[in-house]
N, C-alpha and C. Protein backbone atom coordinates (compact mmCIF):
# COMPACT_ATOMS: atom_id res chain seq x y z
N MET A 1 -26.59 -57.39 10.73
CA MET A 1 -26.94 -57.81 12.08
C MET A 1 -28.40 -57.45 12.36
N SER A 2 -29.01 -58.34 13.11
CA SER A 2 -30.40 -58.09 13.45
C SER A 2 -30.48 -57.21 14.70
N ALA A 3 -31.63 -56.67 14.93
CA ALA A 3 -31.85 -55.79 16.07
C ALA A 3 -31.68 -56.56 17.38
N GLU A 4 -32.09 -57.83 17.39
CA GLU A 4 -31.95 -58.64 18.60
C GLU A 4 -30.48 -58.88 18.95
N MET A 5 -29.66 -59.11 17.92
CA MET A 5 -28.23 -59.34 18.12
C MET A 5 -27.57 -58.09 18.68
N ILE A 6 -27.88 -56.93 18.12
CA ILE A 6 -27.30 -55.67 18.59
C ILE A 6 -27.74 -55.40 20.02
N THR A 7 -28.99 -55.64 20.33
CA THR A 7 -29.50 -55.44 21.68
C THR A 7 -28.80 -56.36 22.66
N THR A 8 -28.58 -57.60 22.28
CA THR A 8 -27.90 -58.56 23.15
C THR A 8 -26.46 -58.13 23.40
N ILE A 9 -25.76 -57.75 22.36
CA ILE A 9 -24.36 -57.33 22.49
C ILE A 9 -24.26 -56.09 23.38
N VAL A 10 -25.12 -55.11 23.14
CA VAL A 10 -25.11 -53.88 23.96
C VAL A 10 -25.44 -54.22 25.42
N GLY A 11 -26.36 -55.13 25.64
CA GLY A 11 -26.72 -55.53 27.00
C GLY A 11 -25.56 -56.23 27.70
N VAL A 12 -24.88 -57.13 27.01
CA VAL A 12 -23.75 -57.85 27.60
C VAL A 12 -22.61 -56.88 27.90
N VAL A 13 -22.31 -55.98 26.97
CA VAL A 13 -21.25 -55.00 27.19
C VAL A 13 -21.60 -54.10 28.37
N SER A 14 -22.82 -53.69 28.46
CA SER A 14 -23.26 -52.84 29.58
C SER A 14 -23.14 -53.59 30.90
N LEU A 15 -23.50 -54.85 30.90
CA LEU A 15 -23.39 -55.66 32.11
C LEU A 15 -21.93 -55.82 32.53
N LEU A 16 -21.06 -56.06 31.57
CA LEU A 16 -19.63 -56.20 31.88
C LEU A 16 -19.06 -54.89 32.42
N LEU A 17 -19.44 -53.77 31.84
CA LEU A 17 -18.99 -52.47 32.33
C LEU A 17 -19.49 -52.20 33.75
N ALA A 18 -20.73 -52.58 34.00
CA ALA A 18 -21.28 -52.38 35.35
C ALA A 18 -20.54 -53.26 36.36
N LEU A 19 -20.23 -54.49 36.01
CA LEU A 19 -19.48 -55.37 36.90
C LEU A 19 -18.08 -54.84 37.15
N ALA A 20 -17.43 -54.34 36.10
CA ALA A 20 -16.08 -53.78 36.26
C ALA A 20 -16.11 -52.55 37.15
N ALA A 21 -17.11 -51.69 36.98
CA ALA A 21 -17.23 -50.49 37.81
C ALA A 21 -17.50 -50.88 39.27
N GLY A 22 -18.35 -51.86 39.49
CA GLY A 22 -18.62 -52.32 40.85
C GLY A 22 -17.39 -52.92 41.49
N PHE A 23 -16.64 -53.70 40.75
CA PHE A 23 -15.41 -54.29 41.27
C PHE A 23 -14.39 -53.19 41.60
N GLY A 24 -14.28 -52.19 40.73
CA GLY A 24 -13.38 -51.07 41.00
C GLY A 24 -13.79 -50.30 42.24
N TRP A 25 -15.08 -50.10 42.42
CA TRP A 25 -15.57 -49.40 43.61
C TRP A 25 -15.24 -50.19 44.87
N ILE A 26 -15.41 -51.50 44.82
CA ILE A 26 -15.10 -52.34 45.98
C ILE A 26 -13.61 -52.25 46.32
N ILE A 27 -12.76 -52.30 45.32
CA ILE A 27 -11.31 -52.19 45.56
C ILE A 27 -10.98 -50.83 46.17
N HIS A 28 -11.56 -49.77 45.63
CA HIS A 28 -11.31 -48.42 46.16
C HIS A 28 -11.77 -48.32 47.61
N ARG A 29 -12.93 -48.82 47.90
CA ARG A 29 -13.49 -48.76 49.25
C ARG A 29 -12.63 -49.57 50.24
N THR A 30 -12.21 -50.75 49.83
CA THR A 30 -11.37 -51.59 50.68
C THR A 30 -10.04 -50.91 50.95
N ASP A 31 -9.43 -50.32 49.94
CA ASP A 31 -8.16 -49.62 50.14
C ASP A 31 -8.32 -48.46 51.12
N ALA A 32 -9.42 -47.73 51.02
CA ALA A 32 -9.65 -46.62 51.94
C ALA A 32 -9.81 -47.11 53.38
N GLN A 33 -10.50 -48.21 53.57
CA GLN A 33 -10.68 -48.76 54.91
C GLN A 33 -9.36 -49.29 55.45
N LEU A 34 -8.58 -49.95 54.62
CA LEU A 34 -7.29 -50.47 55.07
C LEU A 34 -6.32 -49.35 55.42
N ALA A 35 -6.42 -48.23 54.72
CA ALA A 35 -5.55 -47.09 55.05
C ALA A 35 -5.87 -46.59 56.46
N GLY A 36 -7.15 -46.56 56.81
CA GLY A 36 -7.54 -46.16 58.16
C GLY A 36 -7.04 -47.14 59.21
N VAL A 37 -7.08 -48.42 58.89
CA VAL A 37 -6.59 -49.44 59.82
C VAL A 37 -5.08 -49.30 60.00
N ARG A 38 -4.38 -49.03 58.89
CA ARG A 38 -2.92 -48.86 58.98
C ARG A 38 -2.56 -47.69 59.88
N VAL A 39 -3.31 -46.61 59.79
CA VAL A 39 -3.05 -45.45 60.65
C VAL A 39 -3.28 -45.82 62.11
N GLU A 40 -4.36 -46.55 62.39
CA GLU A 40 -4.65 -46.96 63.76
C GLU A 40 -3.56 -47.89 64.29
N ILE A 41 -3.06 -48.78 63.44
CA ILE A 41 -1.99 -49.69 63.87
C ILE A 41 -0.73 -48.91 64.17
N ALA A 42 -0.40 -47.93 63.33
CA ALA A 42 0.79 -47.11 63.57
C ALA A 42 0.66 -46.34 64.88
N ASP A 43 -0.53 -45.78 65.14
CA ASP A 43 -0.75 -45.07 66.40
C ASP A 43 -0.61 -46.00 67.59
N THR A 44 -1.16 -47.21 67.47
CA THR A 44 -1.08 -48.17 68.56
C THR A 44 0.36 -48.58 68.82
N ARG A 45 1.13 -48.80 67.76
CA ARG A 45 2.54 -49.16 67.93
C ARG A 45 3.31 -48.04 68.62
N ARG A 46 3.03 -46.80 68.23
CA ARG A 46 3.72 -45.67 68.85
C ARG A 46 3.35 -45.58 70.33
N ASP A 47 2.08 -45.74 70.64
CA ASP A 47 1.64 -45.69 72.04
C ASP A 47 2.27 -46.83 72.85
N LEU A 48 2.32 -48.01 72.27
CA LEU A 48 2.94 -49.13 72.98
C LEU A 48 4.43 -48.89 73.19
N GLY A 49 5.08 -48.27 72.21
CA GLY A 49 6.49 -47.95 72.36
C GLY A 49 6.73 -46.98 73.51
N VAL A 50 5.87 -45.97 73.61
CA VAL A 50 5.99 -45.01 74.71
C VAL A 50 5.76 -45.71 76.05
N ARG A 51 4.76 -46.57 76.12
CA ARG A 51 4.48 -47.29 77.36
C ARG A 51 5.63 -48.21 77.73
N MET A 52 6.21 -48.88 76.74
CA MET A 52 7.33 -49.77 77.03
C MET A 52 8.54 -48.98 77.52
N ASP A 53 8.75 -47.79 76.97
CA ASP A 53 9.85 -46.95 77.45
C ASP A 53 9.64 -46.56 78.92
N LYS A 54 8.41 -46.23 79.27
CA LYS A 54 8.10 -45.88 80.66
C LYS A 54 8.31 -47.07 81.59
N VAL A 55 7.88 -48.25 81.15
CA VAL A 55 8.06 -49.45 81.97
C VAL A 55 9.55 -49.74 82.13
N THR A 56 10.31 -49.56 81.08
CA THR A 56 11.75 -49.79 81.16
C THR A 56 12.40 -48.83 82.16
N GLU A 57 12.00 -47.57 82.12
CA GLU A 57 12.54 -46.60 83.07
C GLU A 57 12.18 -46.99 84.51
N GLU A 58 10.94 -47.39 84.73
CA GLU A 58 10.52 -47.80 86.07
C GLU A 58 11.26 -49.05 86.52
N LEU A 59 11.49 -49.97 85.61
CA LEU A 59 12.22 -51.19 85.95
C LEU A 59 13.65 -50.86 86.36
N VAL A 60 14.28 -49.93 85.68
CA VAL A 60 15.63 -49.51 86.05
C VAL A 60 15.61 -48.91 87.45
N ASP A 61 14.61 -48.08 87.73
CA ASP A 61 14.50 -47.49 89.06
C ASP A 61 14.32 -48.57 90.14
N VAL A 62 13.52 -49.58 89.84
CA VAL A 62 13.31 -50.66 90.79
C VAL A 62 14.60 -51.44 90.99
N LYS A 63 15.33 -51.70 89.93
CA LYS A 63 16.60 -52.42 90.05
C LYS A 63 17.58 -51.64 90.92
N ILE A 64 17.63 -50.34 90.73
CA ILE A 64 18.52 -49.50 91.53
C ILE A 64 18.11 -49.55 93.00
N ALA A 65 16.81 -49.46 93.26
CA ALA A 65 16.32 -49.50 94.64
C ALA A 65 16.64 -50.85 95.28
N VAL A 66 16.46 -51.94 94.56
CA VAL A 66 16.77 -53.26 95.09
C VAL A 66 18.25 -53.38 95.35
N ALA A 67 19.07 -52.87 94.45
CA ALA A 67 20.52 -52.92 94.65
C ALA A 67 20.92 -52.13 95.89
N ARG A 68 20.28 -51.01 96.13
CA ARG A 68 20.58 -50.21 97.31
C ARG A 68 20.20 -50.97 98.58
N VAL A 69 19.03 -51.59 98.57
CA VAL A 69 18.59 -52.35 99.75
C VAL A 69 19.52 -53.52 100.00
N GLU A 70 19.88 -54.23 98.96
CA GLU A 70 20.80 -55.36 99.14
C GLU A 70 22.17 -54.88 99.56
N GLY A 71 22.59 -53.73 99.08
CA GLY A 71 23.88 -53.18 99.46
C GLY A 71 23.91 -52.80 100.93
N CYS A 72 22.83 -52.28 101.43
CA CYS A 72 22.75 -51.91 102.84
C CYS A 72 22.79 -53.14 103.72
N ARG A 73 22.21 -54.23 103.32
CA ARG A 73 22.20 -55.47 104.11
C ARG A 73 23.59 -56.08 104.15
N GLY A 74 24.34 -55.93 103.10
CA GLY A 74 25.64 -56.56 103.02
C GLY A 74 26.69 -55.85 103.87
N THR A 75 26.53 -54.59 104.17
CA THR A 75 27.55 -53.87 104.93
C THR A 75 27.20 -53.75 106.37
């Protein structure tokens, strides 16, 4: 093999390794960012669940109050 051929092969292999490393870094970085988003989504769902429970409790109280008012009118 000539020196030019060896240099070309080493250059191509180095380029492929650099591309693979860059692609791996991008995948790692994206996974880390998505993990943060998943945590934020879970927190938001939990907060919405708590808020919905509070609204449900208030709605029950309102229904009871309306039933009492309607009951007083009927008697």
